[in-house]
Amino acid sequence: MDKRVFGQIGENAAADVLRAKGYRILRQNYRCRYGEIDIIAERDGDVSFVEVKTRQSLNYGRPCEAVTEEKRRHMRRAAHCYLGEMKERGYVPRRYGFTIIEVMVNQEDNVF
């Protein structure tokens, strides 16, 4: 399966989980010159900037371990860019934070 398609499956699953927890999805795949954020979600005035890591196995460690300090730096910069855009539209969140969602996708062929 194409890596981008596989990643999109994980991001869609993560968005569904967030919705089930009462979040409203503001943006998916937000990009600016500083970086990219997979999902931006809001609940009760709080905004979460979400990185989704999708894997088929733990052969290379937990998915969250792939979020390097460089990626975190890019996410912080992109988040500040998005917050600036929100402020221009008159919306300032009560609080904001960063979340990593790990998605494990297992497929078993020919099981019966």
PDB file of N, CA and C in Angstrom:
ATOM      1  N   MET A   1       0.842  -1.178   0.000  1.00  0.00           N
ATOM      2  CA  MET A   1       0.000   0.000   0.000  1.00  0.00           C
ATOM      3  C   MET A   1       0.889   1.245   0.000  1.00  0.00           C
ATOM      4  N   ASP A   2       0.493   2.247  -0.741  1.00  0.00           N
ATOM      5  CA  ASP A   2       1.204   3.517  -0.820  1.00  0.00           C
ATOM      6  C   ASP A   2       1.303   4.146   0.578  1.00  0.00           C
ATOM      7  N   LYS A   3       2.476   4.678   0.939  1.00  0.00           N
ATOM      8  CA  LYS A   3       2.691   5.245   2.274  1.00  0.00           C
ATOM      9  C   LYS A   3       1.750   6.411   2.568  1.00  0.00           C
ATOM     10  N   ARG A   4       1.488   7.217   1.557  1.00  0.00           N
ATOM     11  CA  ARG A   4       0.616   8.374   1.777  1.00  0.00           C
ATOM     12  C   ARG A   4      -0.819   7.918   2.049  1.00  0.00           C
ATOM     13  N   VAL A   5      -1.272   6.915   1.303  1.00  0.00           N
ATOM     14  CA  VAL A   5      -2.612   6.367   1.522  1.00  0.00           C
ATOM     15  C   VAL A   5      -2.694   5.739   2.905  1.00  0.00           C
ATOM     16  N   PHE A   6      -1.670   4.998   3.289  1.00  0.00           N
ATOM     17  CA  PHE A   6      -1.616   4.353   4.601  1.00  0.00           C
ATOM     18  C   PHE A   6      -1.681   5.409   5.705  1.00  0.00           C
ATOM     19  N   GLY A   7      -0.918   6.478   5.553  1.00  0.00           N
ATOM     20  CA  GLY A   7      -0.936   7.562   6.529  1.00  0.00           C
ATOM     21  C   GLY A   7      -2.295   8.237   6.610  1.00  0.00           C
ATOM     22  N   GLN A   8      -2.949   8.405   5.470  1.00  0.00           N
ATOM     23  CA  GLN A   8      -4.276   9.029   5.450  1.00  0.00           C
ATOM     24  C   GLN A   8      -5.305   8.174   6.172  1.00  0.00           C
ATOM     25  N   ILE A   9      -5.182   6.850   6.049  1.00  0.00           N
ATOM     26  CA  ILE A   9      -6.069   5.944   6.782  1.00  0.00           C
ATOM     27  C   ILE A   9      -5.918   6.191   8.280  1.00  0.00           C
ATOM     28  N   GLY A  10      -4.679   6.304   8.744  1.00  0.00           N
ATOM     29  CA  GLY A  10      -4.426   6.566  10.161  1.00  0.00           C
ATOM     30  C   GLY A  10      -4.965   7.913  10.604  1.00  0.00           C
ATOM     31  N   GLU A  11      -4.774   8.945   9.784  1.00  0.00           N
ATOM     32  CA  GLU A  11      -5.263  10.276  10.132  1.00  0.00           C
ATOM     33  C   GLU A  11      -6.786  10.305  10.198  1.00  0.00           C
ATOM     34  N   ASN A  12      -7.441   9.628   9.276  1.00  0.00           N
ATOM     35  CA  ASN A  12      -8.904   9.571   9.313  1.00  0.00           C
ATOM     36  C   ASN A  12      -9.399   8.831  10.559  1.00  0.00           C
ATOM     37  N   ALA A  13      -8.720   7.755  10.923  1.00  0.00           N
ATOM     38  CA  ALA A  13      -9.098   7.016  12.134  1.00  0.00           C
ATOM     39  C   ALA A  13      -8.890   7.888  13.372  1.00  0.00           C
ATOM     40  N   ALA A  14      -7.787   8.624  13.408  1.00  0.00           N
ATOM     41  CA  ALA A  14      -7.513   9.515  14.541  1.00  0.00           C
ATOM     42  C   ALA A  14      -8.575  10.611  14.631  1.00  0.00           C
ATOM     43  N   ALA A  15      -8.965  11.175  13.502  1.00  0.00           N
ATOM     44  CA  ALA A  15     -10.009  12.203  13.493  1.00  0.00           C
ATOM     45  C   ALA A  15     -11.333  11.638  14.010  1.00  0.00           C
ATOM     46  N   ASP A  16     -11.646  10.404  13.640  1.00  0.00           N
ATOM     47  CA  ASP A  16     -12.876   9.764  14.125  1.00  0.00           C
ATOM     48  C   ASP A  16     -12.836   9.592  15.649  1.00  0.00           C
ATOM     49  N   VAL A  17     -11.679   9.202  16.177  1.00  0.00           N
ATOM     50  CA  VAL A  17     -11.535   9.039  17.631  1.00  0.00           C
ATOM     51  C   VAL A  17     -11.706  10.392  18.328  1.00  0.00           C
ATOM     52  N   LEU A  18     -11.090  11.423  17.778  1.00  0.00           N
ATOM     53  CA  LEU A  18     -11.229  12.755  18.373  1.00  0.00           C
ATOM     54  C   LEU A  18     -12.687  13.210  18.365  1.00  0.00           C
ATOM     55  N   ARG A  19     -13.383  13.003  17.260  1.00  0.00           N
ATOM     56  CA  ARG A  19     -14.807  13.373  17.184  1.00  0.00           C
ATOM     57  C   ARG A  19     -15.609  12.622  18.248  1.00  0.00           C
ATOM     58  N   ALA A  20     -15.318  11.337  18.422  1.00  0.00           N
ATOM     59  CA  ALA A  20     -16.018  10.529  19.420  1.00  0.00           C
ATOM     60  C   ALA A  20     -15.761  11.043  20.836  1.00  0.00           C
ATOM     61  N   LYS A  21     -14.644  11.725  21.033  1.00  0.00           N
ATOM     62  CA  LYS A  21     -14.315  12.296  22.346  1.00  0.00           C
ATOM     63  C   LYS A  21     -14.814  13.734  22.486  1.00  0.00           C
ATOM     64  N   GLY A  22     -15.595  14.180  21.512  1.00  0.00           N
ATOM     65  CA  GLY A  22     -16.201  15.502  21.619  1.00  0.00           C
ATOM     66  C   GLY A  22     -15.425  16.641  20.984  1.00  0.00           C
ATOM     67  N   TYR A  23     -14.390  16.325  20.220  1.00  0.00           N
ATOM     68  CA  TYR A  23     -13.620  17.363  19.536  1.00  0.00           C
ATOM     69  C   TYR A  23     -14.282  17.726  18.212  1.00  0.00           C
ATOM     70  N   ARG A  24     -14.078  18.963  17.821  1.00  0.00           N
ATOM     71  CA  ARG A  24     -14.488  19.422  16.495  1.00  0.00           C
ATOM     72  C   ARG A  24     -13.203  19.567  15.679  1.00  0.00           C
ATOM     73  N   ILE A  25     -13.158  18.946  14.526  1.00  0.00           N
ATOM     74  CA  ILE A  25     -11.975  19.017  13.668  1.00  0.00           C
ATOM     75  C   ILE A  25     -12.010  20.356  12.936  1.00  0.00           C
ATOM     76  N   LEU A  26     -10.993  21.181  13.187  1.00  0.00           N
ATOM     77  CA  LEU A  26     -10.897  22.487  12.534  1.00  0.00           C
ATOM     78  C   LEU A  26     -10.194  22.387  11.192  1.00  0.00           C
ATOM     79  N   ARG A  27      -9.113  21.617  11.158  1.00  0.00           N
ATOM     80  CA  ARG A  27      -8.335  21.456   9.919  1.00  0.00           C
ATOM     81  C   ARG A  27      -7.643  20.110   9.939  1.00  0.00           C
ATOM     82  N   GLN A  28      -7.446  19.571   8.748  1.00  0.00           N
ATOM     83  CA  GLN A  28      -6.587  18.398   8.569  1.00  0.00           C
ATOM     84  C   GLN A  28      -5.526  18.775   7.554  1.00  0.00           C
ATOM     85  N   ASN A  29      -4.333  18.286   7.794  1.00  0.00           N
ATOM     86  CA  ASN A  29      -3.184  18.527   6.920  1.00  0.00           C
ATOM     87  C   ASN A  29      -2.933  20.023   6.708  1.00  0.00           C
ATOM     88  N   TYR A  30      -2.909  20.761   7.804  1.00  0.00           N
ATOM     89  CA  TYR A  30      -2.610  22.192   7.753  1.00  0.00           C
ATOM     90  C   TYR A  30      -1.129  22.371   7.418  1.00  0.00           C
ATOM     91  N   ARG A  31      -0.868  23.223   6.433  1.00  0.00           N
ATOM     92  CA  ARG A  31       0.513  23.496   6.036  1.00  0.00           C
ATOM     93  C   ARG A  31       0.750  24.995   5.994  1.00  0.00           C
ATOM     94  N   CYS A  32       1.932  25.364   6.416  1.00  0.00           N
ATOM     95  CA  CYS A  32       2.409  26.735   6.258  1.00  0.00           C
ATOM     96  C   CYS A  32       3.909  26.634   6.008  1.00  0.00           C
ATOM     97  N   ARG A  33       4.552  27.758   5.871  1.00  0.00           N
ATOM     98  CA  ARG A  33       5.979  27.713   5.526  1.00  0.00           C
ATOM     99  C   ARG A  33       6.842  27.106   6.629  1.00  0.00           C
ATOM    100  N   TYR A  34       6.288  26.975   7.829  1.00  0.00           N
ATOM    101  CA  TYR A  34       7.076  26.449   8.949  1.00  0.00           C
ATOM    102  C   TYR A  34       6.936  24.946   9.149  1.00  0.00           C
ATOM    103  N   GLY A  35       5.899  24.359   8.565  1.00  0.00           N
ATOM    104  CA  GLY A  35       5.709  22.932   8.764  1.00  0.00           C
ATOM    105  C   GLY A  35       4.293  22.506   8.490  1.00  0.00           C
ATOM    106  N   GLU A  36       3.975  21.314   8.995  1.00  0.00           N
ATOM    107  CA  GLU A  36       2.673  20.700   8.725  1.00  0.00           C
ATOM    108  C   GLU A  36       2.136  20.122  10.024  1.00  0.00           C
ATOM    109  N   ILE A  37       0.816  20.216  10.183  1.00  0.00           N
ATOM    110  CA  ILE A  37       0.134  19.628  11.334  1.00  0.00           C
ATOM    111  C   ILE A  37      -0.961  18.726  10.784  1.00  0.00           C
ATOM    112  N   ASP A  38      -0.982  17.480  11.249  1.00  0.00           N
ATOM    113  CA  ASP A  38      -1.932  16.507  10.712  1.00  0.00           C
ATOM    114  C   ASP A  38      -3.381  16.898  11.003  1.00  0.00           C
ATOM    115  N   ILE A  39      -3.675  17.216  12.262  1.00  0.00           N
ATOM    116  CA  ILE A  39      -5.044  17.552  12.655  1.00  0.00           C
ATOM    117  C   ILE A  39      -4.997  18.710  13.651  1.00  0.00           C
ATOM    118  N   ILE A  40      -5.912  19.648  13.459  1.00  0.00           N
ATOM    119  CA  ILE A  40      -6.122  20.694  14.457  1.00  0.00           C
ATOM    120  C   ILE A  40      -7.562  20.528  14.925  1.00  0.00           C
ATOM    121  N   ALA A  41      -7.726  20.313  16.233  1.00  0.00           N
ATOM    122  CA  ALA A  41      -9.044  20.026  16.788  1.00  0.00           C
ATOM    123  C   ALA A  41      -9.321  20.935  17.973  1.00  0.00           C
ATOM    124  N   GLU A  42     -10.618  21.162  18.229  1.00  0.00           N
ATOM    125  CA  GLU A  42     -11.020  22.052  19.322  1.00  0.00           C
ATOM    126  C   GLU A  42     -12.090  21.386  20.159  1.00  0.00           C
ATOM    127  N   ARG A  43     -11.998  21.572  21.467  1.00  0.00           N
ATOM    128  CA  ARG A  43     -13.033  21.104  22.394  1.00  0.00           C
ATOM    129  C   ARG A  43     -13.068  22.054  23.581  1.00  0.00           C
ATOM    130  N   ASP A  44     -14.228  22.580  23.860  1.00  0.00           N
ATOM    131  CA  ASP A  44     -14.431  23.469  25.007  1.00  0.00           C
ATOM    132  C   ASP A  44     -13.469  24.657  25.015  1.00  0.00           C
ATOM    133  N   GLY A  45     -13.181  25.204  23.845  1.00  0.00           N
ATOM    134  CA  GLY A  45     -12.313  26.372  23.763  1.00  0.00           C
ATOM    135  C   GLY A  45     -10.825  26.074  23.766  1.00  0.00           C
ATOM    136  N   ASP A  46     -10.463  24.812  23.904  1.00  0.00           N
ATOM    137  CA  ASP A  46      -9.058  24.398  23.883  1.00  0.00           C
ATOM    138  C   ASP A  46      -8.730  23.822  22.511  1.00  0.00           C
ATOM    139  N   VAL A  47      -7.576  24.188  21.981  1.00  0.00           N
ATOM    140  CA  VAL A  47      -7.154  23.703  20.663  1.00  0.00           C
ATOM    141  C   VAL A  47      -6.014  22.703  20.836  1.00  0.00           C
ATOM    142  N   SER A  48      -6.113  21.583  20.132  1.00  0.00           N
ATOM    143  CA  SER A  48      -5.066  20.555  20.124  1.00  0.00           C
ATOM    144  C   SER A  48      -4.462  20.462  18.735  1.00  0.00           C
ATOM    145  N   PHE A  49      -3.152  20.512  18.690  1.00  0.00           N
ATOM    146  CA  PHE A  49      -2.400  20.309  17.460  1.00  0.00           C
ATOM    147  C   PHE A  49      -1.910  18.870  17.506  1.00  0.00           C
ATOM    148  N   VAL A  50      -2.377  18.062  16.556  1.00  0.00           N
ATOM    149  CA  VAL A  50      -2.216  16.609  16.641  1.00  0.00           C
ATOM    150  C   VAL A  50      -1.299  16.083  15.544  1.00  0.00           C
ATOM    151  N   GLU A  51      -0.323  15.297  15.952  1.00  0.00           N
ATOM    152  CA  GLU A  51       0.526  14.547  15.033  1.00  0.00           C
ATOM    153  C   GLU A  51       0.066  13.095  15.086  1.00  0.00           C
ATOM    154  N   VAL A  52      -0.186  12.508  13.931  1.00  0.00           N
ATOM    155  CA  VAL A  52      -0.644  11.118  13.859  1.00  0.00           C
ATOM    156  C   VAL A  52       0.478  10.265  13.281  1.00  0.00           C
ATOM    157  N   LYS A  53       0.792   9.186  13.961  1.00  0.00           N
ATOM    158  CA  LYS A  53       1.798   8.237  13.483  1.00  0.00           C
ATOM    159  C   LYS A  53       1.132   6.872  13.328  1.00  0.00           C
ATOM    160  N   THR A  54       1.148   6.373  12.112  1.00  0.00           N
ATOM    161  CA  THR A  54       0.479   5.109  11.788  1.00  0.00           C
ATOM    162  C   THR A  54       1.541   4.055  11.462  1.00  0.00           C
ATOM    163  N   ARG A  55       1.401   2.886  12.061  1.00  0.00           N
ATOM    164  CA  ARG A  55       2.350   1.809  11.835  1.00  0.00           C
ATOM    165  C   ARG A  55       1.626   0.475  11.706  1.00  0.00           C
ATOM    166  N   GLN A  56       2.324  -0.478  11.101  1.00  0.00           N
ATOM    167  CA  GLN A  56       1.806  -1.842  10.998  1.00  0.00           C
ATOM    168  C   GLN A  56       2.444  -2.768  12.021  1.00  0.00           C
ATOM    169  N   SER A  57       3.572  -2.364  12.575  1.00  0.00           N
ATOM    170  CA  SER A  57       4.239  -3.200  13.566  1.00  0.00           C
ATOM    171  C   SER A  57       5.064  -2.307  14.492  1.00  0.00           C
ATOM    172  N   LEU A  58       5.583  -2.927  15.521  1.00  0.00           N
ATOM    173  CA  LEU A  58       6.459  -2.220  16.457  1.00  0.00           C
ATOM    174  C   LEU A  58       7.928  -2.554  16.208  1.00  0.00           C
ATOM    175  N   ASN A  59       8.240  -3.038  15.019  1.00  0.00           N
ATOM    176  CA  ASN A  59       9.613  -3.439  14.693  1.00  0.00           C
ATOM    177  C   ASN A  59      10.616  -2.306  14.896  1.00  0.00           C
ATOM    178  N   TYR A  60      10.188  -1.079  14.699  1.00  0.00           N
ATOM    179  CA  TYR A  60      11.085   0.069  14.829  1.00  0.00           C
ATOM    180  C   TYR A  60      10.721   0.924  16.028  1.00  0.00           C
ATOM    181  N   GLY A  61      10.054   0.342  17.019  1.00  0.00           N
ATOM    182  CA  GLY A  61       9.654   1.070  18.208  1.00  0.00           C
ATOM    183  C   GLY A  61       8.237   1.586  18.096  1.00  0.00           C
ATOM    184  N   ARG A  62       7.825   2.265  19.158  1.00  0.00           N
ATOM    185  CA  ARG A  62       6.475   2.838  19.176  1.00  0.00           C
ATOM    186  C   ARG A  62       6.388   3.976  18.176  1.00  0.00           C
ATOM    187  N   PRO A  63       5.222   4.166  17.588  1.00  0.00           N
ATOM    188  CA  PRO A  63       5.072   5.234  16.603  1.00  0.00           C
ATOM    189  C   PRO A  63       5.452   6.614  17.129  1.00  0.00           C
ATOM    190  N   CYS A  64       5.119   6.908  18.387  1.00  0.00           N
ATOM    191  CA  CYS A  64       5.418   8.236  18.931  1.00  0.00           C
ATOM    192  C   CYS A  64       6.910   8.519  18.996  1.00  0.00           C
ATOM    193  N   GLU A  65       7.724   7.476  19.020  1.00  0.00           N
ATOM    194  CA  GLU A  65       9.173   7.665  19.073  1.00  0.00           C
ATOM    195  C   GLU A  65       9.725   8.259  17.781  1.00  0.00           C
ATOM    196  N   ALA A  66       8.923   8.253  16.726  1.00  0.00           N
ATOM    197  CA  ALA A  66       9.346   8.817  15.447  1.00  0.00           C
ATOM    198  C   ALA A  66       9.162  10.340  15.399  1.00  0.00           C
ATOM    199  N   VAL A  67       8.564  10.915  16.442  1.00  0.00           N
ATOM    200  CA  VAL A  67       8.377  12.369  16.482  1.00  0.00           C
ATOM    201  C   VAL A  67       9.640  12.971  17.099  1.00  0.00           C
ATOM    202  N   THR A  68      10.524  13.404  16.223  1.00  0.00           N
ATOM    203  CA  THR A  68      11.813  13.923  16.647  1.00  0.00           C
ATOM    204  C   THR A  68      11.695  15.348  17.180  1.00  0.00           C
ATOM    205  N   GLU A  69      12.746  15.820  17.791  1.00  0.00           N
ATOM    206  CA  GLU A  69      12.763  17.209  18.277  1.00  0.00           C
ATOM    207  C   GLU A  69      12.610  18.182  17.115  1.00  0.00           C
ATOM    208  N   GLU A  70      13.174  17.854  15.974  1.00  0.00           N
ATOM    209  CA  GLU A  70      13.017  18.716  14.798  1.00  0.00           C
ATOM    210  C   GLU A  70      11.544  18.795  14.385  1.00  0.00           C
ATOM    211  N   LYS A  71      10.851  17.651  14.389  1.00  0.00           N
ATOM    212  CA  LYS A  71       9.432  17.646  14.046  1.00  0.00           C
ATOM    213  C   LYS A  71       8.637  18.471  15.057  1.00  0.00           C
ATOM    214  N   ARG A  72       8.989  18.347  16.341  1.00  0.00           N
ATOM    215  CA  ARG A  72       8.305  19.123  17.379  1.00  0.00           C
ATOM    216  C   ARG A  72       8.511  20.615  17.163  1.00  0.00           C
ATOM    217  N   ARG A  73       9.703  21.001  16.784  1.00  0.00           N
ATOM    218  CA  ARG A  73      10.004  22.408  16.522  1.00  0.00           C
ATOM    219  C   ARG A  73       9.163  22.924  15.351  1.00  0.00           C
ATOM    220  N   HIS A  74       9.074  22.123  14.286  1.00  0.00           N
ATOM    221  CA  HIS A  74       8.255  22.509  13.127  1.00  0.00           C
ATOM    222  C   HIS A  74       6.771  22.609  13.509  1.00  0.00           C
ATOM    223  N   MET A  75       6.306  21.686  14.337  1.00  0.00           N
ATOM    224  CA  MET A  75       4.912  21.732  14.777  1.00  0.00           C
ATOM    225  C   MET A  75       4.636  22.978  15.600  1.00  0.00           C
ATOM    226  N   ARG A  76       5.547  23.331  16.513  1.00  0.00           N
ATOM    227  CA  ARG A  76       5.349  24.540  17.326  1.00  0.00           C
ATOM    228  C   ARG A  76       5.275  25.779  16.439  1.00  0.00           C
ATOM    229  N   ARG A  77       6.170  25.865  15.465  1.00  0.00           N
ATOM    230  CA  ARG A  77       6.161  27.020  14.562  1.00  0.00           C
ATOM    231  C   ARG A  77       4.889  27.066  13.728  1.00  0.00           C
ATOM    232  N   ALA A  78       4.467  25.916  13.213  1.00  0.00           N
ATOM    233  CA  ALA A  78       3.240  25.870  12.423  1.00  0.00           C
ATOM    234  C   ALA A  78       2.029  26.199  13.293  1.00  0.00           C
ATOM    235  N   ALA A  79       2.034  25.739  14.536  1.00  0.00           N
ATOM    236  CA  ALA A  79       0.929  26.043  15.453  1.00  0.00           C
ATOM    237  C   ALA A  79       0.836  27.546  15.694  1.00  0.00           C
ATOM    238  N   HIS A  80       1.971  28.193  15.902  1.00  0.00           N
ATOM    239  CA  HIS A  80       1.957  29.647  16.111  1.00  0.00           C
ATOM    240  C   HIS A  80       1.464  30.374  14.867  1.00  0.00           C
ATOM    241  N   CYS A  81       1.778  29.857  13.708  1.00  0.00           N
ATOM    242  CA  CYS A  81       1.277  30.424  12.458  1.00  0.00           C
ATOM    243  C   CYS A  81      -0.248  30.303  12.421  1.00  0.00           C
ATOM    244  N   TYR A  82      -0.772  29.131  12.746  1.00  0.00           N
ATOM    245  CA  TYR A  82      -2.214  28.924  12.744  1.00  0.00           C
ATOM    246  C   TYR A  82      -2.892  29.802  13.792  1.00  0.00           C
ATOM    247  N   LEU A  83      -2.301  29.890  14.987  1.00  0.00           N
ATOM    248  CA  LEU A  83      -2.878  30.726  16.035  1.00  0.00           C
ATOM    249  C   LEU A  83      -2.929  32.193  15.597  1.00  0.00           C
ATOM    250  N   GLY A  84      -1.914  32.635  14.855  1.00  0.00           N
ATOM    251  CA  GLY A  84      -1.922  33.992  14.312  1.00  0.00           C
ATOM    252  C   GLY A  84      -3.075  34.197  13.344  1.00  0.00           C
ATOM    253  N   GLU A  85      -3.328  33.202  12.513  1.00  0.00           N
ATOM    254  CA  GLU A  85      -4.460  33.273  11.574  1.00  0.00           C
ATOM    255  C   GLU A  85      -5.783  33.333  12.334  1.00  0.00           C
ATOM    256  N   MET A  86      -5.892  32.542  13.397  1.00  0.00           N
ATOM    257  CA  MET A  86      -7.109  32.542  14.207  1.00  0.00           C
ATOM    258  C   MET A  86      -7.325  33.907  14.866  1.00  0.00           C
ATOM    259  N   LYS A  87      -6.248  34.480  15.376  1.00  0.00           N
ATOM    260  CA  LYS A  87      -6.339  35.778  16.042  1.00  0.00           C
ATOM    261  C   LYS A  87      -6.809  36.858  15.073  1.00  0.00           C
ATOM    262  N   GLU A  88      -6.324  36.797  13.833  1.00  0.00           N
ATOM    263  CA  GLU A  88      -6.757  37.758  12.812  1.00  0.00           C
ATOM    264  C   GLU A  88      -8.256  37.662  12.561  1.00  0.00           C
ATOM    265  N   ARG A  89      -8.832  36.471  12.754  1.00  0.00           N
ATOM    266  CA  ARG A  89     -10.270  36.270  12.562  1.00  0.00           C
ATOM    267  C   ARG A  89     -11.059  36.503  13.852  1.00  0.00           C
ATOM    268  N   GLY A  90     -10.365  36.935  14.898  1.00  0.00           N
ATOM    269  CA  GLY A  90     -11.042  37.265  16.146  1.00  0.00           C
ATOM    270  C   GLY A  90     -11.245  36.119  17.107  1.00  0.00           C
ATOM    271  N   TYR A  91     -10.545  35.012  16.898  1.00  0.00           N
ATOM    272  CA  TYR A  91     -10.701  33.865  17.794  1.00  0.00           C
ATOM    273  C   TYR A  91      -9.374  33.558  18.470  1.00  0.00           C
ATOM    274  N   VAL A  92      -9.409  33.543  19.799  1.00  0.00           N
ATOM    275  CA  VAL A  92      -8.226  33.172  20.570  1.00  0.00           C
ATOM    276  C   VAL A  92      -8.638  32.012  21.464  1.00  0.00           C
ATOM    277  N   PRO A  93      -7.983  30.864  21.330  1.00  0.00           N
ATOM    278  CA  PRO A  93      -8.370  29.718  22.157  1.00  0.00           C
ATOM    279  C   PRO A  93      -8.054  29.970  23.629  1.00  0.00           C
ATOM    280  N   ARG A  94      -8.796  29.297  24.474  1.00  0.00           N
ATOM    281  CA  ARG A  94      -8.553  29.398  25.915  1.00  0.00           C
ATOM    282  C   ARG A  94      -7.155  28.867  26.243  1.00  0.00           C
ATOM    283  N   ARG A  95      -6.866  27.699  25.720  1.00  0.00           N
ATOM    284  CA  ARG A  95      -5.552  27.061  25.869  1.00  0.00           C
ATOM    285  C   ARG A  95      -5.262  26.290  24.601  1.00  0.00           C
ATOM    286  N   TYR A  96      -4.003  25.904  24.429  1.00  0.00           N
ATOM    287  CA  TYR A  96      -3.662  25.019  23.321  1.00  0.00           C
ATOM    288  C   TYR A  96      -2.563  24.077  23.772  1.00  0.00           C
ATOM    289  N   GLY A  97      -2.484  22.941  23.062  1.00  0.00           N
ATOM    290  CA  GLY A  97      -1.479  21.947  23.399  1.00  0.00           C
ATOM    291  C   GLY A  97      -1.205  21.053  22.206  1.00  0.00           C
ATOM    292  N   PHE A  98      -0.281  20.119  22.424  1.00  0.00           N
ATOM    293  CA  PHE A  98       0.157  19.217  21.367  1.00  0.00           C
ATOM    294  C   PHE A  98      -0.126  17.782  21.786  1.00  0.00           C
ATOM    295  N   THR A  99      -0.574  16.981  20.826  1.00  0.00           N
ATOM    296  CA  THR A  99      -0.960  15.602  21.079  1.00  0.00           C
ATOM    297  C   THR A  99      -0.370  14.715  19.995  1.00  0.00           C
ATOM    298  N   ILE A 100       0.041  13.525  20.389  1.00  0.00           N
ATOM    299  CA  ILE A 100       0.457  12.506  19.425  1.00  0.00           C
ATOM    300  C   ILE A 100      -0.536  11.363  19.526  1.00  0.00           C
ATOM    301  N   ILE A 101      -1.082  10.965  18.397  1.00  0.00           N
ATOM    302  CA  ILE A 101      -1.968   9.803  18.358  1.00  0.00           C
ATOM    303  C   ILE A 101      -1.263   8.704  17.570  1.00  0.00           C
ATOM    304  N   GLU A 102      -1.145   7.538  18.210  1.00  0.00           N
ATOM    305  CA  GLU A 102      -0.544   6.373  17.568  1.00  0.00           C
ATOM    306  C   GLU A 102      -1.659   5.489  17.022  1.00  0.00           C
ATOM    307  N   VAL A 103      -1.530   5.105  15.768  1.00  0.00           N
ATOM    308  CA  VAL A 103      -2.511   4.218  15.141  1.00  0.00           C
ATOM    309  C   VAL A 103      -1.767   2.974  14.674  1.00  0.00           C
ATOM    310  N   MET A 104      -2.233   1.826  15.150  1.00  0.00           N
ATOM    311  CA  MET A 104      -1.673   0.554  14.708  1.00  0.00           C
ATOM    312  C   MET A 104      -2.680  -0.103  13.778  1.00  0.00           C
ATOM    313  N   VAL A 105      -2.235  -0.438  12.578  1.00  0.00           N
ATOM    314  CA  VAL A 105      -3.099  -1.081  11.583  1.00  0.00           C
ATOM    315  C   VAL A 105      -2.566  -2.493  11.362  1.00  0.00           C
ATOM    316  N   ASN A 106      -3.406  -3.455  11.661  1.00  0.00           N
ATOM    317  CA  ASN A 106      -3.031  -4.858  11.469  1.00  0.00           C
ATOM    318  C   ASN A 106      -3.978  -5.464  10.433  1.00  0.00           C
ATOM    319  N   GLN A 107      -3.405  -6.190   9.534  1.00  0.00           N
ATOM    320  CA  GLN A 107      -4.209  -6.877   8.515  1.00  0.00           C
ATOM    321  C   GLN A 107      -3.773  -8.331   8.494  1.00  0.00           C
ATOM    322  N   GLU A 108      -4.728  -9.201   8.629  1.00  0.00           N
ATOM    323  CA  GLU A 108      -4.465 -10.641   8.573  1.00  0.00           C
ATOM    324  C   GLU A 108      -5.155 -11.184   7.321  1.00  0.00           C
ATOM    325  N   ASP A 109      -4.407 -11.693   6.383  1.00  0.00           N
ATOM    326  CA  ASP A 109      -4.967 -12.276   5.174  1.00  0.00           C
ATOM    327  C   ASP A 109      -5.191 -13.773   5.354  1.00  0.00           C
ATOM    328  N   ASN A 110      -6.129 -14.279   4.617  1.00  0.00           N
ATOM    329  CA  ASN A 110      -6.407 -15.731   4.586  1.00  0.00           C
ATOM    330  C   ASN A 110      -6.590 -16.321   5.975  1.00  0.00           C
ATOM    331  N   VAL A 111      -7.422 -15.697   6.793  1.00  0.00           N
ATOM    332  CA  VAL A 111      -7.594 -16.157   8.156  1.00  0.00           C
ATOM    333  C   VAL A 111      -8.537 -17.355   8.268  1.00  0.00           C
ATOM    334  N   PHE A 112      -9.323 -17.615   7.238  1.00  0.00           N
ATOM    335  CA  PHE A 112     -10.154 -18.832   7.239  1.00  0.00           C
ATOM    336  C   PHE A 112     -10.504 -19.207   5.829  1.00  0.00           C
TER     337      PHE A 112
END
